[in-house]
Amino acid sequence: MKKSMGLIDYDELQSLLSDTDLTAAEAHGMAVAMISVKPNLTVETWLAELSDDAQALPTQQEHLTGWFCLIQKQLNSDAFEFNPLLPDDEEELVNRLMALKQWCQGFLYGLGRVYQQPIRTKDAQEILKDMTEFTRLDVNAEEGEEEEQAYAEISEYLRSAVFVLKDELSSNT
């Protein structure tokens, strides 16, 4: 199954970010967090986080802007179309687990860049604690049905958790 977000898939985004130190998962997690807290965030703010010199991405900027706008549309829609952007299910589990860790790291970084208030609700605190734990996942897990199921459950949890955090944190900014 090809995981894509309409305009761009994981591998394409990874290629666009080759001039940065970020992975596609980190960049997506960062954008999701930033948009979740600030629904009207400008693409320039996000691009500045991707690279110390956003102008260093001139050829990628158009694609990255379109990709950012799609995330914004998905997160601000009532259709709940959002999913964390992770590698295809055909990828080895170790690669998908690494990307899941990186997505959580990107999300936590992005959140820290735009949300400077204490996290007041227990639900939001618990989700952020879980995401922090996910950054410590053992990526060298054996590949089996049980591990695949756990990966799928964490991915779905993250999808739902984003909407909970969006509702709870965007109302406080």
Protein backbone atom coordinates (compact mmCIF):
# COMPACT_ATOMS: atom_id res chain seq x y z
CA MET A 1 0.00 0.00 0.00
CA LYS A 2 1.46 3.35 -1.02
CA LYS A 3 1.14 5.87 1.79
CA SER A 4 0.65 9.29 0.34
CA MET A 5 -1.08 12.51 1.17
CA GLY A 6 -2.39 13.39 -2.26
CA LEU A 7 0.44 15.63 -3.44
CA ILE A 8 3.45 13.75 -2.19
CA ASP A 9 4.37 10.43 -0.63
CA TYR A 10 6.93 9.59 2.01
CA ASP A 11 9.78 8.82 -0.39
CA GLU A 12 9.13 11.96 -2.44
CA LEU A 13 9.20 14.14 0.67
CA GLN A 14 12.37 12.42 1.83
CA SER A 15 13.94 13.31 -1.51
CA LEU A 16 12.80 16.95 -1.23
CA LEU A 17 14.41 17.20 2.19
CA SER A 18 17.76 15.80 1.10
CA ASP A 19 19.40 19.21 1.64
CA THR A 20 18.30 19.29 5.28
CA ASP A 21 19.08 17.21 8.35
CA LEU A 22 15.44 16.17 8.68
CA THR A 23 13.61 13.05 7.62
CA ALA A 24 10.19 13.11 5.99
CA ALA A 25 8.67 11.79 9.22
CA GLU A 26 10.27 14.52 11.35
CA ALA A 27 9.22 17.27 8.95
CA HIS A 28 5.66 15.97 8.83
CA GLY A 29 5.43 15.60 12.62
CA MET A 30 6.77 19.13 13.02
CA ALA A 31 4.27 20.59 10.55
CA VAL A 32 1.36 18.69 12.12
CA ALA A 33 2.18 19.96 15.61
CA MET A 34 2.68 23.54 14.49
CA ILE A 35 -0.54 23.60 12.48
CA SER A 36 -2.49 21.82 15.21
CA VAL A 37 -1.69 24.59 17.66
CA LYS A 38 -1.77 27.46 15.17
CA PRO A 39 -4.23 26.55 12.37
CA ASN A 40 -3.31 29.69 10.39
CA LEU A 41 0.45 29.18 10.64
CA THR A 42 2.30 30.43 7.58
CA VAL A 43 4.32 28.09 5.43
CA GLU A 44 7.28 30.44 5.82
CA THR A 45 7.37 29.74 9.55
CA TRP A 46 7.52 26.00 8.91
CA LEU A 47 10.08 26.32 6.11
CA ALA A 48 12.31 28.35 8.44
CA GLU A 49 12.25 25.40 10.86
CA LEU A 50 13.21 22.95 8.12
CA SER A 51 16.44 24.71 7.32
CA ASP A 52 18.53 27.46 8.86
CA ASP A 53 18.31 29.06 5.44
CA ALA A 54 14.82 28.52 3.98
CA GLN A 55 16.07 30.08 0.76
CA ALA A 56 18.43 27.12 0.45
CA LEU A 57 15.43 25.07 -0.66
CA PRO A 58 14.46 27.07 -3.78
CA THR A 59 13.63 24.16 -6.07
CA GLN A 60 11.77 22.29 -3.35
CA GLN A 61 9.86 25.29 -2.00
CA GLU A 62 6.89 24.99 -4.37
CA HIS A 63 6.40 21.30 -3.57
CA LEU A 64 6.92 21.82 0.15
CA THR A 65 4.43 24.70 0.15
CA GLY A 66 1.80 22.56 -1.57
CA TRP A 67 2.46 19.75 0.85
CA PHE A 68 2.17 22.10 3.85
CA CYS A 69 -1.13 23.51 2.54
CA LEU A 70 -2.50 19.98 2.18
CA ILE A 71 -1.62 19.18 5.81
CA GLN A 72 -3.27 22.43 6.87
CA LYS A 73 -6.40 21.53 4.91
CA GLN A 74 -6.53 18.02 6.38
CA LEU A 75 -6.07 19.18 9.96
CA ASN A 76 -8.56 22.04 9.66
CA SER A 77 -11.20 19.84 8.00
CA ASP A 78 -14.00 18.03 9.81
CA ALA A 79 -13.41 14.98 7.60
CA PHE A 80 -10.59 13.55 9.80
CA GLU A 81 -8.49 12.66 6.73
CA PHE A 82 -5.17 13.06 8.52
CA ASN A 83 -2.68 10.23 9.03
CA PRO A 84 0.94 10.46 10.16
CA LEU A 85 3.15 10.27 7.08
CA LEU A 86 5.20 7.11 7.51
CA PRO A 87 6.88 4.68 5.10
CA ASP A 88 4.84 2.15 3.13
CA ASP A 89 3.71 -1.01 4.86
CA GLU A 90 6.01 -2.96 2.53
CA GLU A 91 9.05 -1.35 4.19
CA GLU A 92 10.84 -3.39 6.82
CA LEU A 93 9.41 -2.91 10.30
CA VAL A 94 12.71 -1.50 11.56
CA ASN A 95 12.47 1.36 9.02
CA ARG A 96 8.84 2.05 9.86
CA LEU A 97 9.57 2.07 13.60
CA MET A 98 12.46 4.49 13.07
CA ALA A 99 10.18 6.79 11.08
CA LEU A 100 7.49 6.57 13.77
CA LYS A 101 10.08 7.60 16.39
CA GLN A 102 11.21 10.46 14.15
CA TRP A 103 7.61 11.55 13.55
CA CYS A 104 7.08 11.82 17.31
CA GLN A 105 10.36 13.70 17.72
CA GLY A 106 9.33 16.14 14.99
CA PHE A 107 5.90 16.58 16.54
CA LEU A 108 7.32 17.30 19.99
CA TYR A 109 9.87 19.74 18.52
CA GLY A 110 7.21 21.54 16.48
CA LEU A 111 4.92 21.76 19.48
CA GLY A 112 7.71 23.26 21.55
CA ARG A 113 8.34 25.89 18.88
CA VAL A 114 4.76 27.22 18.86
CA TYR A 115 3.24 26.35 22.23
CA GLN A 116 4.80 28.07 25.23
CA GLN A 117 2.10 27.51 27.86
CA PRO A 118 1.79 24.77 30.47
CA ILE A 119 -0.12 21.70 29.31
CA ARG A 120 -3.12 21.78 31.62
CA THR A 121 -5.35 18.86 30.69
CA LYS A 122 -4.61 15.32 31.78
CA ASP A 123 -5.47 13.98 28.32
CA ALA A 124 -2.93 16.24 26.61
CA GLN A 125 -0.30 15.49 29.25
CA GLU A 126 -0.82 11.75 28.82
CA ILE A 127 -0.60 11.95 25.02
CA LEU A 128 2.62 13.95 25.15
CA LYS A 129 4.04 11.51 27.69
CA ASP A 130 3.15 8.64 25.33
CA MET A 131 4.75 10.42 22.36
CA THR A 132 7.88 10.94 24.39
CA GLU A 133 7.91 7.22 25.18
CA PHE A 134 7.47 6.42 21.47
CA THR A 135 10.69 8.31 20.77
CA ARG A 136 12.40 5.60 22.80
CA LEU A 137 10.98 2.62 20.91
CA ASP A 138 13.34 -0.26 20.24
CA VAL A 139 13.62 -0.21 16.48
CA ASN A 140 15.39 -3.57 16.42
CA ALA A 141 12.21 -5.44 17.20
CA GLU A 142 11.68 -8.76 15.51
CA GLU A 143 9.32 -8.75 12.59
CA GLY A 144 6.20 -10.73 13.31
CA GLU A 145 2.45 -10.45 13.41
CA GLU A 146 2.43 -9.20 17.01
CA GLU A 147 4.97 -6.46 16.28
CA GLU A 148 3.10 -5.43 13.11
CA GLN A 149 -0.12 -5.17 15.13
CA ALA A 150 1.59 -3.04 17.78
CA TYR A 151 2.98 -0.74 15.08
CA ALA A 152 -0.48 -0.37 13.52
CA GLU A 153 -2.03 0.40 16.92
CA ILE A 154 0.57 3.08 17.70
CA SER A 155 0.07 4.66 14.26
CA GLU A 156 -3.69 4.81 14.79
CA TYR A 157 -3.21 6.14 18.31
CA LEU A 158 -1.07 8.97 16.95
CA ARG A 159 -3.72 9.81 14.38
CA SER A 160 -6.39 10.14 17.07
CA ALA A 161 -4.04 11.83 19.53
CA VAL A 162 -3.33 14.65 17.06
CA PHE A 163 -7.01 15.57 16.96
CA VAL A 164 -7.29 15.52 20.75
CA LEU A 165 -4.22 17.75 21.09
CA LYS A 166 -5.45 20.04 18.33
CA ASP A 167 -8.76 20.55 20.13
CA GLU A 168 -7.18 21.06 23.54
CA LEU A 169 -4.13 23.15 22.65
CA SER A 170 -5.36 25.34 19.80
CA SER A 171 -8.08 26.77 22.04
CA ASN A 172 -5.37 27.97 24.46
CA THR A 173 -3.29 29.97 21.98
